[in-house]
Amino acid sequence: MKQGEIKITPSNGIFKFINLSNAKNLADRAKKSMAILLGDDGRYWVVSLGLGEKLMKAGYEMAE
C-alpha cells in the first residue's frame, strides 16, 4: 500500500450506495472487478465478483 493510500473495507464486503452513479464510480476505481447489485434495502450494493455470484444465486439481481 502506498503512503497516504487508505484501504476501506466494510466488514461484510458490501459497499452500499443510494444512487447508481456513486456505485459505478467505486466499481470503476476498484483494483479488482466489482459487481453492482440491487440490494434488499433499496440501495445499490457494490461487491466482489465472487460475492456477487453467491448473492445472485440467492436471488439478488444485477443493477446494470
PDB file of N, CA and C in Angstrom:
ATOM      1  N   MET A   1       0.847  -1.172   0.000  1.00  0.00           N
ATOM      2  CA  MET A   1       0.000   0.000   0.000  1.00  0.00           C
ATOM      3  C   MET A   1       0.896   1.239   0.000  1.00  0.00           C
ATOM      4  N   LYS A   2       0.572   2.178  -0.842  1.00  0.00           N
ATOM      5  CA  LYS A   2       1.346   3.409  -0.932  1.00  0.00           C
ATOM      6  C   LYS A   2       1.056   4.307   0.263  1.00  0.00           C
ATOM      7  N   GLN A   3       2.016   5.150   0.581  1.00  0.00           N
ATOM      8  CA  GLN A   3       1.819   6.096   1.669  1.00  0.00           C
ATOM      9  C   GLN A   3       0.658   7.022   1.322  1.00  0.00           C
ATOM     10  N   GLY A   4      -0.230   7.232   2.255  1.00  0.00           N
ATOM     11  CA  GLY A   4      -1.389   8.088   2.041  1.00  0.00           C
ATOM     12  C   GLY A   4      -2.577   7.367   1.444  1.00  0.00           C
ATOM     13  N   GLU A   5      -2.395   6.101   1.044  1.00  0.00           N
ATOM     14  CA  GLU A   5      -3.492   5.330   0.475  1.00  0.00           C
ATOM     15  C   GLU A   5      -4.261   4.669   1.619  1.00  0.00           C
ATOM     16  N   ILE A   6      -5.552   4.809   1.609  1.00  0.00           N
ATOM     17  CA  ILE A   6      -6.382   4.255   2.671  1.00  0.00           C
ATOM     18  C   ILE A   6      -7.202   3.104   2.110  1.00  0.00           C
ATOM     19  N   LYS A   7      -7.173   1.987   2.793  1.00  0.00           N
ATOM     20  CA  LYS A   7      -7.960   0.832   2.376  1.00  0.00           C
ATOM     21  C   LYS A   7      -9.255   0.834   3.175  1.00  0.00           C
ATOM     22  N   ILE A   8     -10.383   0.971   2.486  1.00  0.00           N
ATOM     23  CA  ILE A   8     -11.687   0.981   3.140  1.00  0.00           C
ATOM     24  C   ILE A   8     -12.400  -0.307   2.759  1.00  0.00           C
ATOM     25  N   THR A   9     -12.691  -1.132   3.747  1.00  0.00           N
ATOM     26  CA  THR A   9     -13.367  -2.401   3.500  1.00  0.00           C
ATOM     27  C   THR A   9     -14.450  -2.591   4.550  1.00  0.00           C
ATOM     28  N   PRO A  10     -15.705  -2.687   4.125  1.00  0.00           N
ATOM     29  CA  PRO A  10     -16.750  -2.957   5.109  1.00  0.00           C
ATOM     30  C   PRO A  10     -16.599  -4.378   5.642  1.00  0.00           C
ATOM     31  N   SER A  11     -17.050  -4.609   6.842  1.00  0.00           N
ATOM     32  CA  SER A  11     -16.865  -5.918   7.473  1.00  0.00           C
ATOM     33  C   SER A  11     -17.554  -7.051   6.713  1.00  0.00           C
ATOM     34  N   ASN A  12     -18.647  -6.762   6.024  1.00  0.00           N
ATOM     35  CA  ASN A  12     -19.359  -7.811   5.301  1.00  0.00           C
ATOM     36  C   ASN A  12     -19.019  -7.844   3.809  1.00  0.00           C
ATOM     37  N   GLY A  13     -18.166  -6.960   3.345  1.00  0.00           N
ATOM     38  CA  GLY A  13     -17.768  -6.956   1.940  1.00  0.00           C
ATOM     39  C   GLY A  13     -18.758  -6.275   1.007  1.00  0.00           C
ATOM     40  N   ILE A  14     -19.730  -5.558   1.557  1.00  0.00           N
ATOM     41  CA  ILE A  14     -20.754  -4.897   0.744  1.00  0.00           C
ATOM     42  C   ILE A  14     -20.679  -3.388   0.958  1.00  0.00           C
ATOM     43  N   PHE A  15     -20.407  -2.658  -0.136  1.00  0.00           N
ATOM     44  CA  PHE A  15     -20.451  -1.194  -0.100  1.00  0.00           C
ATOM     45  C   PHE A  15     -21.845  -0.795  -0.577  1.00  0.00           C
ATOM     46  N   LYS A  16     -22.559   0.017   0.190  1.00  0.00           N
ATOM     47  CA  LYS A  16     -23.941   0.370  -0.138  1.00  0.00           C
ATOM     48  C   LYS A  16     -24.032   1.843  -0.534  1.00  0.00           C
ATOM     49  N   PHE A  17     -24.801   2.094  -1.629  1.00  0.00           N
ATOM     50  CA  PHE A  17     -24.963   3.453  -2.146  1.00  0.00           C
ATOM     51  C   PHE A  17     -26.432   3.736  -2.431  1.00  0.00           C
ATOM     52  N   ILE A  18     -26.812   4.999  -2.285  1.00  0.00           N
ATOM     53  CA  ILE A  18     -28.176   5.415  -2.577  1.00  0.00           C
ATOM     54  C   ILE A  18     -28.386   5.576  -4.079  1.00  0.00           C
ATOM     55  N   ASN A  19     -27.374   6.100  -4.789  1.00  0.00           N
ATOM     56  CA  ASN A  19     -27.562   6.284  -6.231  1.00  0.00           C
ATOM     57  C   ASN A  19     -26.550   5.470  -7.037  1.00  0.00           C
ATOM     58  N   LEU A  20     -26.969   5.114  -8.225  1.00  0.00           N
ATOM     59  CA  LEU A  20     -26.191   4.229  -9.092  1.00  0.00           C
ATOM     60  C   LEU A  20     -24.885   4.868  -9.537  1.00  0.00           C
ATOM     61  N   SER A  21     -24.867   6.177  -9.756  1.00  0.00           N
ATOM     62  CA  SER A  21     -23.643   6.823 -10.242  1.00  0.00           C
ATOM     63  C   SER A  21     -22.506   6.698  -9.225  1.00  0.00           C
ATOM     64  N   ASN A  22     -22.806   6.813  -7.942  1.00  0.00           N
ATOM     65  CA  ASN A  22     -21.768   6.646  -6.917  1.00  0.00           C
ATOM     66  C   ASN A  22     -21.291   5.194  -6.853  1.00  0.00           C
ATOM     67  N   ALA A  23     -22.212   4.261  -7.000  1.00  0.00           N
ATOM     68  CA  ALA A  23     -21.839   2.843  -7.004  1.00  0.00           C
ATOM     69  C   ALA A  23     -20.931   2.539  -8.191  1.00  0.00           C
ATOM     70  N   LYS A  24     -21.272   3.067  -9.360  1.00  0.00           N
ATOM     71  CA  LYS A  24     -20.449   2.851 -10.554  1.00  0.00           C
ATOM     72  C   LYS A  24     -19.070   3.480 -10.381  1.00  0.00           C
ATOM     73  N   ASN A  25     -19.017   4.639  -9.748  1.00  0.00           N
ATOM     74  CA  ASN A  25     -17.745   5.322  -9.521  1.00  0.00           C
ATOM     75  C   ASN A  25     -16.803   4.441  -8.691  1.00  0.00           C
ATOM     76  N   LEU A  26     -17.304   3.851  -7.619  1.00  0.00           N
ATOM     77  CA  LEU A  26     -16.472   2.972  -6.799  1.00  0.00           C
ATOM     78  C   LEU A  26     -16.059   1.733  -7.589  1.00  0.00           C
ATOM     79  N   ALA A  27     -17.003   1.115  -8.278  1.00  0.00           N
ATOM     80  CA  ALA A  27     -16.702  -0.096  -9.044  1.00  0.00           C
ATOM     81  C   ALA A  27     -15.655   0.177 -10.123  1.00  0.00           C
ATOM     82  N   ASP A  28     -15.721   1.331 -10.755  1.00  0.00           N
ATOM     83  CA  ASP A  28     -14.762   1.683 -11.806  1.00  0.00           C
ATOM     84  C   ASP A  28     -13.365   1.944 -11.246  1.00  0.00           C
ATOM     85  N   ARG A  29     -13.286   2.455 -10.023  1.00  0.00           N
ATOM     86  CA  ARG A  29     -11.990   2.802  -9.430  1.00  0.00           C
ATOM     87  C   ARG A  29     -11.341   1.660  -8.660  1.00  0.00           C
ATOM     88  N   ALA A  30     -12.086   0.602  -8.404  1.00  0.00           N
ATOM     89  CA  ALA A  30     -11.553  -0.518  -7.614  1.00  0.00           C
ATOM     90  C   ALA A  30     -10.448  -1.239  -8.373  1.00  0.00           C
ATOM     91  N   LYS A  31      -9.487  -1.770  -7.635  1.00  0.00           N
ATOM     92  CA  LYS A  31      -8.385  -2.505  -8.241  1.00  0.00           C
ATOM     93  C   LYS A  31      -8.865  -3.820  -8.844  1.00  0.00           C
ATOM     94  N   LYS A  32      -9.821  -4.466  -8.179  1.00  0.00           N
ATOM     95  CA  LYS A  32     -10.376  -5.728  -8.674  1.00  0.00           C
ATOM     96  C   LYS A  32     -11.756  -5.461  -9.264  1.00  0.00           C
ATOM     97  N   SER A  33     -12.200  -6.333 -10.143  1.00  0.00           N
ATOM     98  CA  SER A  33     -13.525  -6.193 -10.747  1.00  0.00           C
ATOM     99  C   SER A  33     -14.605  -6.334  -9.683  1.00  0.00           C
ATOM    100  N   MET A  34     -15.612  -5.498  -9.785  1.00  0.00           N
ATOM    101  CA  MET A  34     -16.708  -5.478  -8.826  1.00  0.00           C
ATOM    102  C   MET A  34     -18.038  -5.608  -9.563  1.00  0.00           C
ATOM    103  N   ALA A  35     -19.043  -6.091  -8.851  1.00  0.00           N
ATOM    104  CA  ALA A  35     -20.400  -6.197  -9.380  1.00  0.00           C
ATOM    105  C   ALA A  35     -21.292  -5.214  -8.634  1.00  0.00           C
ATOM    106  N   ILE A  36     -22.317  -4.726  -9.312  1.00  0.00           N
ATOM    107  CA  ILE A  36     -23.288  -3.834  -8.685  1.00  0.00           C
ATOM    108  C   ILE A  36     -24.632  -4.550  -8.688  1.00  0.00           C
ATOM    109  N   LEU A  37     -25.174  -4.768  -7.498  1.00  0.00           N
ATOM    110  CA  LEU A  37     -26.438  -5.475  -7.347  1.00  0.00           C
ATOM    111  C   LEU A  37     -27.489  -4.564  -6.743  1.00  0.00           C
ATOM    112  N   LEU A  38     -28.758  -4.926  -6.950  1.00  0.00           N
ATOM    113  CA  LEU A  38     -29.859  -4.236  -6.296  1.00  0.00           C
ATOM    114  C   LEU A  38     -30.062  -4.902  -4.945  1.00  0.00           C
ATOM    115  N   GLY A  39     -29.835  -4.157  -3.874  1.00  0.00           N
ATOM    116  CA  GLY A  39     -29.955  -4.716  -2.538  1.00  0.00           C
ATOM    117  C   GLY A  39     -31.391  -4.792  -2.062  1.00  0.00           C
ATOM    118  N   ASP A  40     -31.616  -5.564  -1.016  1.00  0.00           N
ATOM    119  CA  ASP A  40     -32.961  -5.699  -0.468  1.00  0.00           C
ATOM    120  C   ASP A  40     -33.337  -4.523   0.431  1.00  0.00           C
ATOM    121  N   ASP A  41     -32.429  -3.564   0.568  1.00  0.00           N
ATOM    122  CA  ASP A  41     -32.682  -2.380   1.377  1.00  0.00           C
ATOM    123  C   ASP A  41     -32.906  -1.132   0.523  1.00  0.00           C
ATOM    124  N   GLY A  42     -33.106  -1.336  -0.800  1.00  0.00           N
ATOM    125  CA  GLY A  42     -33.355  -0.213  -1.698  1.00  0.00           C
ATOM    126  C   GLY A  42     -32.098   0.520  -2.129  1.00  0.00           C
ATOM    127  N   ARG A  43     -30.935  -0.030  -1.838  1.00  0.00           N
ATOM    128  CA  ARG A  43     -29.669   0.593  -2.208  1.00  0.00           C
ATOM    129  C   ARG A  43     -28.949  -0.247  -3.257  1.00  0.00           C
ATOM    130  N   TYR A  44     -27.924   0.363  -3.842  1.00  0.00           N
ATOM    131  CA  TYR A  44     -27.068  -0.350  -4.787  1.00  0.00           C
ATOM    132  C   TYR A  44     -25.895  -0.910  -4.007  1.00  0.00           C
ATOM    133  N   TRP A  45     -25.639  -2.191  -4.161  1.00  0.00           N
ATOM    134  CA  TRP A  45     -24.555  -2.853  -3.452  1.00  0.00           C
ATOM    135  C   TRP A  45     -23.404  -3.099  -4.401  1.00  0.00           C
ATOM    136  N   VAL A  46     -22.213  -2.673  -4.023  1.00  0.00           N
ATOM    137  CA  VAL A  46     -21.001  -2.944  -4.803  1.00  0.00           C
ATOM    138  C   VAL A  46     -20.252  -4.033  -4.046  1.00  0.00           C
ATOM    139  N   VAL A  47     -20.041  -5.155  -4.740  1.00  0.00           N
ATOM    140  CA  VAL A  47     -19.425  -6.322  -4.103  1.00  0.00           C
ATOM    141  C   VAL A  47     -18.390  -6.935  -5.038  1.00  0.00           C
ATOM    142  N   SER A  48     -17.544  -7.795  -4.491  1.00  0.00           N
ATOM    143  CA  SER A  48     -16.597  -8.533  -5.332  1.00  0.00           C
ATOM    144  C   SER A  48     -17.382  -9.453  -6.265  1.00  0.00           C
ATOM    145  N   LEU A  49     -16.748  -9.874  -7.349  1.00  0.00           N
ATOM    146  CA  LEU A  49     -17.437 -10.754  -8.293  1.00  0.00           C
ATOM    147  C   LEU A  49     -17.822 -12.076  -7.635  1.00  0.00           C
ATOM    148  N   GLY A  50     -16.964 -12.595  -6.761  1.00  0.00           N
ATOM    149  CA  GLY A  50     -17.264 -13.848  -6.072  1.00  0.00           C
ATOM    150  C   GLY A  50     -18.491 -13.740  -5.185  1.00  0.00           C
ATOM    151  N   LEU A  51     -18.544 -12.679  -4.381  1.00  0.00           N
ATOM    152  CA  LEU A  51     -19.699 -12.463  -3.516  1.00  0.00           C
ATOM    153  C   LEU A  51     -20.934 -12.161  -4.358  1.00  0.00           C
ATOM    154  N   GLY A  52     -20.755 -11.407  -5.438  1.00  0.00           N
ATOM    155  CA  GLY A  52     -21.873 -11.100  -6.325  1.00  0.00           C
ATOM    156  C   GLY A  52     -22.493 -12.357  -6.914  1.00  0.00           C
ATOM    157  N   GLU A  53     -21.653 -13.313  -7.285  1.00  0.00           N
ATOM    158  CA  GLU A  53     -22.148 -14.572  -7.839  1.00  0.00           C
ATOM    159  C   GLU A  53     -22.978 -15.329  -6.797  1.00  0.00           C
ATOM    160  N   LYS A  54     -22.490 -15.354  -5.564  1.00  0.00           N
ATOM    161  CA  LYS A  54     -23.224 -16.028  -4.488  1.00  0.00           C
ATOM    162  C   LYS A  54     -24.563 -15.345  -4.226  1.00  0.00           C
ATOM    163  N   LEU A  55     -24.545 -14.003  -4.209  1.00  0.00           N
ATOM    164  CA  LEU A  55     -25.785 -13.266  -3.966  1.00  0.00           C
ATOM    165  C   LEU A  55     -26.786 -13.450  -5.099  1.00  0.00           C
ATOM    166  N   MET A  56     -26.298 -13.525  -6.337  1.00  0.00           N
ATOM    167  CA  MET A  56     -27.200 -13.741  -7.473  1.00  0.00           C
ATOM    168  C   MET A  56     -27.835 -15.133  -7.392  1.00  0.00           C
ATOM    169  N   LYS A  57     -27.085 -16.122  -6.949  1.00  0.00           N
ATOM    170  CA  LYS A  57     -27.642 -17.461  -6.771  1.00  0.00           C
ATOM    171  C   LYS A  57     -28.712 -17.460  -5.675  1.00  0.00           C
ATOM    172  N   ALA A  58     -28.600 -16.517  -4.732  1.00  0.00           N
ATOM    173  CA  ALA A  58     -29.561 -16.391  -3.654  1.00  0.00           C
ATOM    174  C   ALA A  58     -30.779 -15.559  -4.067  1.00  0.00           C
ATOM    175  N   GLY A  59     -30.782 -15.013  -5.302  1.00  0.00           N
ATOM    176  CA  GLY A  59     -31.938 -14.290  -5.801  1.00  0.00           C
ATOM    177  C   GLY A  59     -31.775 -12.805  -6.012  1.00  0.00           C
ATOM    178  N   TYR A  60     -30.616 -12.249  -5.721  1.00  0.00           N
ATOM    179  CA  TYR A  60     -30.385 -10.822  -5.964  1.00  0.00           C
ATOM    180  C   TYR A  60     -30.136 -10.578  -7.454  1.00  0.00           C
ATOM    181  N   GLU A  61     -30.414  -9.362  -7.907  1.00  0.00           N
ATOM    182  CA  GLU A  61     -30.283  -9.024  -9.326  1.00  0.00           C
ATOM    183  C   GLU A  61     -29.189  -8.002  -9.553  1.00  0.00           C
ATOM    184  N   MET A  62     -28.557  -8.089 -10.724  1.00  0.00           N
ATOM    185  CA  MET A  62     -27.557  -7.097 -11.139  1.00  0.00           C
ATOM    186  C   MET A  62     -28.260  -5.771 -11.390  1.00  0.00           C
ATOM    187  N   ALA A  63     -27.595  -4.673 -11.057  1.00  0.00           N
ATOM    188  CA  ALA A  63     -28.166  -3.343 -11.266  1.00  0.00           C
ATOM    189  C   ALA A  63     -27.978  -2.864 -12.691  1.00  0.00           C
ATOM    190  N   GLU A  64     -26.987  -3.378 -13.398  1.00  0.00           N
ATOM    191  CA  GLU A  64     -26.698  -2.879 -14.739  1.00  0.00           C
ATOM    192  C   GLU A  64     -27.219  -3.804 -15.794  1.00  0.00           C
TER     193      GLU A  64
END
